[in-house]
Structures are given as C-alpha cells and as structure tokens.
Amino acid sequence: MIRSVVLGSGAATPRRSMSNAEFEKIVDTTDEWIVQRTGIHSRFIADADETTATLGTRAAEAALADAGLTPDEIDLIILATSTPDNTFPATAVDIQNRLGMHHGFAFDIQAVCTGFIYAITTADLYIRGGMAKRVLVIGAETFSRLLDWEDRTTCVLFGDGAGALVLGASDSTGTVGERGIISASLRSDGAHKDKLFVDGGPSTTGSIGHLRMQGREVFKHAVAMITDVITSAFERAGLGVDDIDWFVPHQANRRIIDASARKLGIPPEKVVITVDRHGNTSAASVPLALSVAIADGRIKKGDLVLLEAMGGGFTWGAVLLRW
C-alpha cells in the first residue's frame, strides 16, 4: 500500500509582532485580561505588502528546502485559507506561479481553522489514489484583514502567518509503526454557523465583512467536538492516548487546549503550545506550531503526532501521523 509521509516543513510570519500592550491603546482591554482568558501574549500582523500569497510562498519555499526538493518535483499544491488574496483565482495558483511551477495543479480549500487538517487529508487521498506523488500543503492566513479593530472580544485573538508541509508517497505495509498518515477523522455541522462567521461576502454584501464570534458558545462546544474526532482517529488506527509522543492542537485559546488535553488524558509535557506568540492564525495554526516543535527538536522522526483543529462552520478534525 501507499502511505503519505512528511518530507519537509516550513513556516513564515510577518515582520511585525504586536504585543498585548499595544491593544491597550486601541480598545478597552489589558494585557492581564488577554493572557488570563486566552494565553496570548503577542501575535504577528501583516503589513500592506504582506499577503496570504507572499506568506504562503515563503512557507512553501522553506518546506521545499527542508525536503531537498524543487517546485519541478511537486505535482499538486493545496492551500488552506479563509483569507485569499482575491475572490478568484485561487491563491494556490498565485503561489504556484510565484514558485515558478508551471505544471501540475493547485487549488484552495476552505474550512476556516480546520482548513489545514482538511488539506492534508485531501492530499493524502490524492497520493494514495495515485494522482500525485508529492504534494505541497500550505496553511496561510491574513486574518487581521477580517478583524473589527473596535471589537475587543475578537481583535485581540487573531494573527497572521503561514506554515507548510511537503507530503510524498512511500511504500508501506500499513503498520502503525511505519511513517506517514495513519488515520484521520473529519466533521462539520452548519447548524453552528452563527457562532463564528464573517458578516460579509461576494454573494451577500459584496464586501469582505468582519469576523463575529459568540465566544462562550464556541468554548462550550469546542472540547466535546475536539475529543470526539480524536477518539475516532484513535479507534480507526487501533491506538490510544498513551501511544502518542506529541499533541499539536489548533492554537485558538490556551484554556480550550488545556481542557481538551485534560479530558483526553494527555500529559501537559506532550502538548505543543504556541498560542502565546502566534495567537489564533486559523488554517496556519497547526503547521506553525509544528514548525516550532520541529525547530526546537521536540518532534523527531518516528514520533507519533496527533493533530487537531476546530473552526467556524463548525468544522473539526484530527489526524494521526508517524513523523
């Protein structure tokens, strides 16, 4: 059988890091209030010349370099984003061109914060189906463009950035000890749309709109939904919590991460936390967190890694992979 293995990883953040103290001059909030409720100390905010495409391209170039590959050796680019540079064409096509890649195909996928989880499972299907041997999977966002900077409950939560993985086909006997994506579980439920959404769009208002969120409602559903898909991914793989080496969750809120880990029985020392420095970067969240844990030596080849995310819609999903 064919299994999708990670060949390389990369990340990119904007030049500007914005501290909580800067928000005290914009809205009625304090550093203490933000940290206590979210665990966020700072986030990166894109300048005018930094876009989803430019950040995504930088992350892609870093992942290709890490894999020792060139764009000529990539068959497909999948970009997870809710903040494309244009309504169309897909920003993935723009990144494809910026990389100098004029073969293969590229497209965007939109599942908000769960986008990267959806994207790598989609890439896995293309690889196992024989339509692609190597896939560049990117999560890139400029969520600061969607924020209402007068809404103190949301503007302090989000940041910008990008992360990428190169996935490649590898022969496998299908055992859980071999490298690659082992199992995944994806869900969505549109009944929760009004709890986390953007109040604009081409077909409705003809405008970009601003992010709107019912924070307490999101928190109320998050832990149960997260544990649901993680349990499903474990069952499909025949594995359990004790088998994992690292838990890399979506970096939305420290309290959600801690509560989910406690409910699942995952020790704090196995949880990768980057929300303090990145904020919530939506589809870029998981690959950015991965890049930090790889760079500091925590995630190593052979480790069993659990990825998880939940986003507007609601969408939610989990992936188990052997690094």
Protein backbone atom coordinates (compact mmCIF):
# COMPACT_ATOMS: atom_id res chain seq x y z
CA MET A 1 0.00 0.00 0.00
CA ILE A 2 0.94 3.66 -0.32
CA ARG A 3 1.29 5.93 2.67
CA SER A 4 1.74 9.74 2.69
CA VAL A 5 4.88 10.71 4.60
CA VAL A 6 6.19 14.14 5.62
CA LEU A 7 9.25 15.05 3.55
CA GLY A 8 9.76 18.64 4.74
CA SER A 9 8.21 21.50 6.69
CA GLY A 10 8.44 25.28 6.72
CA ALA A 11 6.85 28.41 8.16
CA ALA A 12 6.66 32.16 7.70
CA THR A 13 5.43 35.03 9.84
CA PRO A 14 5.02 38.75 9.10
CA ARG A 15 7.75 41.18 10.11
CA ARG A 16 5.67 42.89 12.79
CA SER A 17 4.92 41.32 16.16
CA MET A 18 2.12 43.05 18.07
CA SER A 19 2.07 42.79 21.86
CA ASN A 20 -0.97 42.89 24.13
CA ALA A 21 0.22 46.24 25.45
CA GLU A 22 -0.41 47.79 22.04
CA PHE A 23 -4.08 46.78 22.24
CA GLU A 24 -4.45 48.78 25.45
CA LYS A 25 -4.10 51.91 23.27
CA ILE A 26 -6.76 50.74 20.78
CA VAL A 27 -9.57 49.11 22.79
CA ASP A 28 -10.67 48.81 26.41
CA THR A 29 -8.53 45.85 27.46
CA THR A 30 -5.38 44.94 29.37
CA ASP A 31 -2.52 42.54 28.94
CA GLU A 32 -3.65 40.73 32.10
CA TRP A 33 -7.21 40.29 30.75
CA ILE A 34 -6.00 38.87 27.42
CA VAL A 35 -3.46 36.49 28.96
CA GLN A 36 -5.87 35.23 31.62
CA ARG A 37 -8.64 34.42 29.14
CA THR A 38 -6.63 33.28 26.11
CA GLY A 39 -2.98 32.66 26.97
CA ILE A 40 -1.94 35.03 24.17
CA HIS A 41 0.95 37.46 24.76
CA SER A 42 1.63 38.54 21.17
CA ARG A 43 0.77 37.84 17.54
CA PHE A 44 2.13 38.75 14.11
CA ILE A 45 0.27 41.29 11.96
CA ALA A 46 0.88 41.57 8.22
CA ASP A 47 1.91 44.86 6.68
CA ALA A 48 0.31 46.09 3.44
CA ASP A 49 2.94 44.35 1.29
CA GLU A 50 2.50 41.03 3.12
CA THR A 51 -0.40 38.91 1.91
CA THR A 52 -1.64 35.35 2.17
CA ALA A 53 0.17 34.60 -1.11
CA THR A 54 3.51 36.10 -0.04
CA LEU A 55 3.44 34.40 3.37
CA GLY A 56 2.32 31.12 1.82
CA THR A 57 5.10 31.29 -0.76
CA ARG A 58 7.75 31.85 1.91
CA ALA A 59 6.48 28.90 3.94
CA ALA A 60 6.37 26.74 0.79
CA GLU A 61 9.94 27.65 -0.14
CA ALA A 62 11.12 26.76 3.36
CA ALA A 63 9.31 23.40 3.25
CA LEU A 64 10.76 22.58 -0.18
CA ALA A 65 14.26 23.46 1.01
CA ASP A 66 13.79 21.27 4.09
CA ALA A 67 12.67 18.39 1.85
CA GLY A 68 15.56 18.95 -0.57
CA LEU A 69 13.10 19.32 -3.44
CA THR A 70 12.38 21.87 -6.16
CA PRO A 71 8.96 23.03 -7.40
CA ASP A 72 9.55 20.89 -10.50
CA GLU A 73 9.21 17.83 -8.27
CA ILE A 74 5.80 18.82 -6.86
CA ASP A 75 2.60 17.56 -8.52
CA LEU A 76 -0.04 19.44 -6.54
CA ILE A 77 -0.40 22.46 -4.26
CA ILE A 78 -3.27 22.64 -1.76
CA LEU A 79 -3.68 25.89 0.16
CA ALA A 80 -5.91 26.06 3.21
CA THR A 81 -7.08 29.64 3.76
CA SER A 82 -10.09 31.77 4.63
CA THR A 83 -8.31 34.96 3.57
CA PRO A 84 -7.39 34.58 -0.12
CA ASP A 85 -5.66 37.42 -1.94
CA ASN A 86 -8.55 37.57 -4.42
CA THR A 87 -12.08 36.23 -4.63
CA PHE A 88 -10.65 34.30 -7.57
CA PRO A 89 -8.41 32.85 -8.84
CA ALA A 90 -7.36 30.54 -6.03
CA THR A 91 -4.39 31.90 -4.10
CA ALA A 92 -2.79 28.47 -4.51
CA VAL A 93 -2.46 29.22 -8.23
CA ASP A 94 -0.73 32.52 -7.39
CA ILE A 95 1.69 30.67 -5.10
CA GLN A 96 2.27 28.09 -7.83
CA ASN A 97 3.32 30.88 -10.19
CA ARG A 98 5.48 32.62 -7.57
CA LEU A 99 7.34 29.34 -7.08
CA GLY A 100 7.97 29.14 -10.82
CA MET A 101 5.87 25.99 -11.10
CA HIS A 102 4.03 25.73 -14.43
CA HIS A 103 2.91 22.11 -14.35
CA GLY A 104 0.58 20.08 -12.16
CA PHE A 105 -2.42 21.71 -10.46
CA ALA A 106 -3.27 23.85 -7.46
CA PHE A 107 -6.39 24.81 -5.54
CA ASP A 108 -7.60 26.40 -2.29
CA ILE A 109 -9.57 24.62 0.40
CA GLN A 110 -11.74 26.48 2.93
CA ALA A 111 -12.64 25.02 6.31
CA VAL A 112 -11.53 28.01 8.42
CA CYS A 113 -9.33 26.90 11.34
CA THR A 114 -9.71 23.23 10.40
CA GLY A 115 -8.51 24.01 6.88
CA PHE A 116 -5.03 22.54 7.25
CA ILE A 117 -6.42 19.29 8.69
CA TYR A 118 -8.84 19.04 5.74
CA ALA A 119 -5.99 19.89 3.34
CA ILE A 120 -3.55 17.22 4.47
CA THR A 121 -6.26 14.55 4.44
CA THR A 122 -7.20 15.66 0.91
CA ALA A 123 -3.54 15.48 -0.13
CA ASP A 124 -3.35 12.01 1.40
CA LEU A 125 -6.25 10.86 -0.78
CA TYR A 126 -4.61 12.22 -3.95
CA ILE A 127 -1.37 10.45 -3.05
CA ARG A 128 -2.94 7.13 -2.14
CA GLY A 129 -5.16 7.37 -5.23
CA GLY A 130 -2.12 7.71 -7.47
CA MET A 131 -2.91 11.19 -8.84
CA ALA A 132 0.09 12.82 -7.15
CA LYS A 133 3.42 11.61 -5.78
CA ARG A 134 4.40 14.79 -3.94
CA VAL A 135 2.02 17.42 -2.60
CA LEU A 136 2.79 20.82 -1.11
CA VAL A 137 0.20 21.53 1.61
CA ILE A 138 0.06 25.09 2.92
CA GLY A 139 -1.96 26.85 5.60
CA ALA A 140 -1.73 30.63 5.22
CA GLU A 141 -3.83 33.46 6.65
CA THR A 142 -4.00 37.21 6.99
CA PHE A 143 -6.86 37.19 9.48
CA SER A 144 -6.03 40.72 10.60
CA ARG A 145 -7.79 41.89 7.41
CA LEU A 146 -11.08 40.49 8.73
CA LEU A 147 -10.97 41.95 12.22
CA ASP A 148 -13.17 44.66 13.65
CA TRP A 149 -10.48 46.60 15.49
CA GLU A 150 -13.12 48.15 17.78
CA ASP A 151 -14.37 44.76 19.00
CA ARG A 152 -12.16 43.94 21.98
CA THR A 153 -13.56 40.40 22.26
CA THR A 154 -12.18 39.32 18.86
CA CYS A 155 -9.44 41.67 17.66
CA VAL A 156 -7.01 40.50 20.37
CA LEU A 157 -7.35 36.83 19.43
CA PHE A 158 -6.07 36.52 15.87
CA GLY A 159 -2.82 36.84 13.99
CA ASP A 160 -1.25 36.23 10.58
CA GLY A 161 1.20 33.62 9.33
CA ALA A 162 1.78 30.54 7.20
CA GLY A 163 3.06 27.01 7.52
CA ALA A 164 3.65 24.22 5.01
CA LEU A 165 4.38 20.52 4.70
CA VAL A 166 5.60 18.50 1.73
CA LEU A 167 3.91 15.10 1.62
CA GLY A 168 5.24 12.28 -0.54
CA ALA A 169 4.20 8.76 -1.50
CA SER A 170 6.01 5.93 0.25
CA ASP A 171 5.58 2.16 0.02
CA SER A 172 4.19 0.76 3.25
CA THR A 173 2.89 -2.47 4.72
CA GLY A 174 0.29 -0.47 6.63
CA THR A 175 1.54 -0.96 10.18
CA VAL A 176 1.18 1.83 12.74
CA GLY A 177 4.92 1.80 13.33
CA GLU A 178 5.70 3.00 9.81
CA ARG A 179 6.00 6.65 8.87
CA GLY A 180 3.14 8.62 7.35
CA ILE A 181 -0.53 9.50 7.85
CA ILE A 182 -2.16 6.64 9.75
CA SER A 183 -5.73 7.80 10.30
CA ALA A 184 -7.98 10.85 10.20
CA SER A 185 -11.44 11.92 11.26
CA LEU A 186 -13.29 14.95 9.83
CA ARG A 187 -16.61 16.52 10.81
CA SER A 188 -18.74 19.60 10.17
CA ASP A 189 -22.12 20.91 11.28
CA GLY A 190 -23.53 24.02 9.63
CA ALA A 191 -26.15 24.46 12.35
CA HIS A 192 -23.48 26.37 14.28
CA LYS A 193 -22.71 28.90 11.54
CA ASP A 194 -23.87 31.94 13.54
CA LYS A 195 -21.48 31.19 16.41
CA LEU A 196 -18.34 32.01 14.39
CA PHE A 197 -18.57 33.69 10.99
CA VAL A 198 -17.69 36.71 8.85
CA ASP A 199 -20.61 39.06 8.18
CA GLY A 200 -19.76 39.71 4.53
CA GLY A 201 -19.09 38.02 1.22
CA PRO A 202 -19.35 38.44 -2.57
CA SER A 203 -22.80 36.83 -2.82
CA THR A 204 -24.39 38.62 0.14
CA THR A 205 -22.98 42.03 0.99
CA GLY A 206 -20.44 42.40 -1.80
CA SER A 207 -17.88 43.26 0.89
CA ILE A 208 -15.22 41.48 2.92
CA GLY A 209 -17.04 41.87 6.24
CA HIS A 210 -15.74 41.39 9.78
CA LEU A 211 -15.27 38.36 11.97
CA ARG A 212 -18.05 37.79 14.51
CA MET A 213 -17.94 35.27 17.30
CA GLN A 214 -20.01 34.06 20.24
CA GLY A 215 -17.03 33.20 22.38
CA ARG A 216 -18.84 31.36 25.17
CA GLU A 217 -20.77 29.23 22.67
CA VAL A 218 -17.60 28.30 20.79
CA PHE A 219 -15.86 27.32 24.03
CA LYS A 220 -18.90 25.30 25.14
CA HIS A 221 -18.80 23.12 22.02
CA ALA A 222 -15.06 23.02 21.41
CA VAL A 223 -13.84 20.48 23.95
CA ALA A 224 -16.55 17.89 23.21
CA MET A 225 -16.11 18.19 19.44
CA ILE A 226 -12.32 18.01 19.64
CA THR A 227 -12.35 14.89 21.81
CA ASP A 228 -14.95 13.30 19.52
CA VAL A 229 -12.77 13.38 16.38
CA ILE A 230 -9.60 12.49 18.27
CA THR A 231 -11.27 9.42 19.77
CA SER A 232 -12.48 8.47 16.28
CA ALA A 233 -8.97 8.82 14.81
CA PHE A 234 -7.56 6.63 17.60
CA GLU A 235 -10.21 3.96 17.03
CA ARG A 236 -9.53 3.84 13.30
CA ALA A 237 -5.82 3.36 13.96
CA GLY A 238 -6.21 0.93 16.84
CA LEU A 239 -4.19 3.28 19.02
CA GLY A 240 -4.73 5.27 22.20
CA VAL A 241 -3.60 8.37 24.05
CA ASP A 242 -0.66 6.56 25.65
CA ASP A 243 0.78 5.81 22.20
CA ILE A 244 1.29 9.42 21.10
CA ASP A 245 4.51 11.36 21.54
CA TRP A 246 3.13 14.81 20.75
CA PHE A 247 -0.25 16.55 20.63
CA VAL A 248 -0.26 19.55 18.26
CA PRO A 249 -3.67 21.24 18.64
CA HIS A 250 -5.13 24.24 16.90
CA GLN A 251 -3.80 27.28 18.74
CA ALA A 252 -7.02 29.18 19.39
CA ASN A 253 -7.18 29.56 23.15
CA ARG A 254 -4.98 28.17 25.92
CA ARG A 255 -7.98 27.27 28.06
CA ILE A 256 -9.51 25.18 25.26
CA ILE A 257 -6.20 23.41 24.66
CA ASP A 258 -5.71 22.65 28.36
CA ALA A 259 -9.30 21.46 28.85
CA SER A 260 -9.11 19.18 25.79
CA ALA A 261 -5.82 17.65 26.90
CA ARG A 262 -7.17 17.03 30.41
CA LYS A 263 -10.33 15.37 29.09
CA LEU A 264 -8.30 13.11 26.81
CA GLY A 265 -5.71 12.34 29.48
CA ILE A 266 -2.78 13.82 27.53
CA PRO A 267 0.05 14.98 29.84
CA PRO A 268 0.90 18.70 29.57
CA GLU A 269 4.50 17.88 28.64
CA LYS A 270 3.27 16.26 25.42
CA VAL A 271 1.24 19.29 24.29
CA VAL A 272 2.78 21.78 21.86
CA ILE A 273 1.75 25.35 22.75
CA THR A 274 2.46 28.36 20.52
CA VAL A 275 -0.73 30.38 21.01
CA ASP A 276 1.23 32.66 23.35
CA ARG A 277 3.38 34.00 20.49
CA HIS A 278 1.16 33.47 17.42
CA GLY A 279 -2.42 33.99 18.61
CA ASN A 280 -5.06 32.23 16.52
CA THR A 281 -3.79 32.05 12.93
CA SER A 282 -6.68 29.86 11.71
CA ALA A 283 -5.52 27.45 8.98
CA ALA A 284 -1.88 28.40 9.59
CA SER A 285 -2.11 27.48 13.28
CA VAL A 286 -1.25 23.77 13.19
CA PRO A 287 1.66 23.98 10.70
CA LEU A 288 3.12 26.97 12.56
CA ALA A 289 3.01 25.02 15.82
CA LEU A 290 4.58 22.03 14.07
CA SER A 291 7.40 24.20 12.75
CA VAL A 292 8.25 25.41 16.26
CA ALA A 293 8.30 21.90 17.74
CA ILE A 294 10.44 20.63 14.84
CA ALA A 295 12.89 23.52 15.07
CA ASP A 296 13.46 23.10 18.81
CA GLY A 297 13.99 19.35 18.43
CA ARG A 298 10.89 18.06 20.18
CA ILE A 299 9.30 16.34 17.18
CA LYS A 300 11.68 13.78 15.72
CA LYS A 301 11.47 11.14 13.01
CA GLY A 302 9.45 8.17 14.22
CA ASP A 303 7.35 10.15 16.71
CA LEU A 304 3.57 9.60 16.69
CA VAL A 305 1.97 13.02 16.35
CA LEU A 306 -1.69 13.92 16.91
CA LEU A 307 -3.00 16.98 15.05
CA GLU A 308 -6.36 18.61 15.79
CA ALA A 309 -8.35 21.70 14.85
CA MET A 310 -11.81 23.22 15.09
CA GLY A 311 -13.13 26.21 13.16
CA GLY A 312 -16.14 28.19 12.02
CA GLY A 313 -19.00 26.31 10.47
CA PHE A 314 -18.43 24.40 12.71
CA THR A 315 -15.72 22.24 11.18
CA TRP A 316 -13.41 19.99 13.17
CA GLY A 317 -10.97 17.19 12.56
CA ALA A 318 -7.98 15.17 13.73
CA VAL A 319 -5.06 13.39 12.09
CA LEU A 320 -2.65 10.79 13.44
CA LEU A 321 0.70 10.55 11.69
CA ARG A 322 4.04 8.95 12.27
CA TRP A 323 6.68 11.63 11.69
